[in-house]
């Protein structure tokens, strides 16, 4: 499935990105399911959640 493969690539980029990169990926990627967004969120450093919330508007 192309969507799953694509999500695996997104997950890997997200995992390797710095905080700003993670925010950029999380706020710009489209077409993910709620579960996929939750999976990315679980990899996000908790101490920067306020920064992510601000970026999401």
N, C-alpha and C. Protein backbone atom coordinates (compact mmCIF):
# COMPACT_ATOMS: atom_id res chain seq x y z
N UNK A 1 0.84 -1.19 0.00
CA UNK A 1 0.00 0.00 0.00
C UNK A 1 0.87 1.25 0.00
N UNK A 2 0.65 2.11 -0.94
CA UNK A 2 1.46 3.32 -1.07
C UNK A 2 1.29 4.26 0.11
N UNK A 3 0.09 4.35 0.66
CA UNK A 3 -0.14 5.25 1.78
C UNK A 3 0.67 4.82 3.00
N UNK A 4 0.68 3.52 3.29
CA UNK A 4 1.46 3.02 4.42
C UNK A 4 2.95 3.25 4.21
N UNK A 5 3.44 3.01 2.99
CA UNK A 5 4.85 3.23 2.68
C UNK A 5 5.17 4.71 2.85
N UNK A 6 4.31 5.56 2.35
CA UNK A 6 4.50 7.00 2.48
C UNK A 6 4.51 7.41 3.95
N UNK A 7 3.63 6.84 4.75
CA UNK A 7 3.59 7.18 6.16
C UNK A 7 4.87 6.72 6.85
N UNK A 8 5.39 5.57 6.47
CA UNK A 8 6.64 5.10 7.05
C UNK A 8 7.78 6.08 6.75
N UNK A 9 7.78 6.63 5.54
CA UNK A 9 8.79 7.64 5.17
C UNK A 9 8.60 8.91 5.99
N UNK A 10 7.36 9.33 6.14
CA UNK A 10 7.05 10.53 6.94
C UNK A 10 7.49 10.30 8.38
N UNK A 11 7.19 9.12 8.91
CA UNK A 11 7.56 8.79 10.29
C UNK A 11 9.08 8.84 10.47
N UNK A 12 9.80 8.32 9.51
CA UNK A 12 11.27 8.31 9.61
C UNK A 12 11.82 9.74 9.56
N UNK A 13 11.29 10.56 8.65
CA UNK A 13 11.72 11.96 8.59
C UNK A 13 11.39 12.67 9.90
N UNK A 14 10.20 12.41 10.42
CA UNK A 14 9.76 13.02 11.68
C UNK A 14 10.69 12.60 12.82
N UNK A 15 11.00 11.33 12.89
CA UNK A 15 11.86 10.78 13.95
C UNK A 15 13.23 11.46 13.93
N UNK A 16 13.77 11.73 12.74
CA UNK A 16 15.11 12.27 12.61
C UNK A 16 15.17 13.80 12.62
N UNK A 17 14.03 14.45 12.57
CA UNK A 17 14.00 15.91 12.51
C UNK A 17 14.21 16.53 13.89
N UNK A 18 14.68 17.78 13.88
CA UNK A 18 14.74 18.53 15.14
C UNK A 18 13.33 19.01 15.47
N UNK A 19 13.18 19.70 16.57
CA UNK A 19 11.84 20.12 17.02
C UNK A 19 11.14 20.97 15.95
N UNK A 20 11.83 21.94 15.39
CA UNK A 20 11.21 22.77 14.36
C UNK A 20 10.83 21.95 13.13
N UNK A 21 11.66 20.99 12.78
CA UNK A 21 11.35 20.11 11.66
C UNK A 21 10.14 19.25 11.93
N UNK A 22 10.05 18.75 13.16
CA UNK A 22 8.88 17.95 13.55
C UNK A 22 7.60 18.79 13.44
N UNK A 23 7.67 20.03 13.91
CA UNK A 23 6.52 20.93 13.84
C UNK A 23 6.14 21.18 12.38
N UNK A 24 7.13 21.42 11.54
CA UNK A 24 6.89 21.66 10.11
C UNK A 24 6.18 20.45 9.49
N UNK A 25 6.69 19.27 9.76
CA UNK A 25 6.07 18.05 9.20
C UNK A 25 4.65 17.88 9.73
N UNK A 26 4.48 18.00 11.04
CA UNK A 26 3.17 17.76 11.66
C UNK A 26 2.11 18.73 11.16
N UNK A 27 2.50 19.98 10.94
CA UNK A 27 1.51 20.98 10.55
C UNK A 27 1.28 21.06 9.04
N UNK A 28 2.13 20.43 8.23
CA UNK A 28 1.96 20.57 6.79
C UNK A 28 1.57 19.28 6.07
N UNK A 29 1.85 18.12 6.68
CA UNK A 29 1.51 16.86 6.02
C UNK A 29 -0.01 16.72 5.96
N UNK A 30 -0.48 16.18 4.84
CA UNK A 30 -1.92 16.03 4.65
C UNK A 30 -2.27 14.59 4.34
N UNK A 31 -3.50 14.24 4.59
CA UNK A 31 -4.01 12.93 4.21
C UNK A 31 -3.75 11.81 5.20
N UNK A 32 -3.28 12.16 6.41
CA UNK A 32 -3.06 11.12 7.41
C UNK A 32 -4.35 10.84 8.17
N UNK A 33 -4.42 9.66 8.73
CA UNK A 33 -5.56 9.33 9.57
C UNK A 33 -5.32 9.90 10.97
N UNK A 34 -6.34 9.91 11.78
CA UNK A 34 -6.21 10.37 13.16
C UNK A 34 -5.17 9.53 13.88
N UNK A 35 -5.20 8.22 13.66
CA UNK A 35 -4.24 7.32 14.31
C UNK A 35 -2.81 7.64 13.89
N UNK A 36 -2.61 7.99 12.63
CA UNK A 36 -1.27 8.32 12.16
C UNK A 36 -0.78 9.63 12.80
N UNK A 37 -1.67 10.62 12.90
CA UNK A 37 -1.29 11.86 13.59
C UNK A 37 -0.94 11.58 15.05
N UNK A 38 -1.71 10.71 15.68
CA UNK A 38 -1.44 10.35 17.08
C UNK A 38 -0.08 9.67 17.21
N UNK A 39 0.24 8.83 16.24
CA UNK A 39 1.53 8.14 16.28
C UNK A 39 2.69 9.14 16.19
N UNK A 40 2.55 10.13 15.32
CA UNK A 40 3.58 11.17 15.23
C UNK A 40 3.65 11.95 16.54
N UNK A 41 2.50 12.26 17.09
CA UNK A 41 2.45 13.04 18.33
C UNK A 41 3.14 12.30 19.48
N UNK A 42 3.03 10.98 19.50
CA UNK A 42 3.70 10.19 20.54
C UNK A 42 5.22 10.31 20.44
N UNK A 43 5.74 10.63 19.27
CA UNK A 43 7.19 10.78 19.08
C UNK A 43 7.65 12.22 19.33
N UNK A 44 6.71 13.11 19.57
CA UNK A 44 7.05 14.53 19.75
C UNK A 44 7.48 14.77 21.20
N UNK A 45 8.56 15.54 21.41
CA UNK A 45 9.01 15.81 22.78
C UNK A 45 7.97 16.64 23.56
N UNK A 46 7.51 16.09 24.66
CA UNK A 46 6.43 16.69 25.45
C UNK A 46 6.74 18.12 25.86
N UNK A 47 7.99 18.39 26.20
CA UNK A 47 8.31 19.73 26.70
C UNK A 47 8.14 20.82 25.65
N UNK A 48 7.95 20.45 24.37
CA UNK A 48 7.75 21.45 23.31
C UNK A 48 6.32 21.46 22.78
N UNK A 49 5.40 20.82 23.48
CA UNK A 49 4.00 20.79 23.01
C UNK A 49 3.40 22.18 22.87
N UNK A 50 3.77 23.10 23.76
CA UNK A 50 3.23 24.46 23.65
C UNK A 50 3.67 25.10 22.34
N UNK A 51 4.87 24.83 21.90
CA UNK A 51 5.37 25.37 20.63
C UNK A 51 4.57 24.79 19.46
N UNK A 52 4.25 23.51 19.54
CA UNK A 52 3.45 22.87 18.49
C UNK A 52 2.04 23.45 18.48
N UNK A 53 1.46 23.65 19.65
CA UNK A 53 0.11 24.24 19.74
C UNK A 53 0.07 25.62 19.11
N UNK A 54 1.08 26.44 19.37
CA UNK A 54 1.14 27.79 18.78
C UNK A 54 1.24 27.71 17.27
N UNK A 55 2.04 26.77 16.77
CA UNK A 55 2.21 26.62 15.32
C UNK A 55 0.93 26.19 14.63
N UNK A 56 0.10 25.46 15.37
CA UNK A 56 -1.15 24.98 14.79
C UNK A 56 -2.23 26.05 14.82
N UNK A 57 -1.95 27.14 15.50
CA UNK A 57 -2.85 28.28 15.47
C UNK A 57 -3.92 28.23 16.49
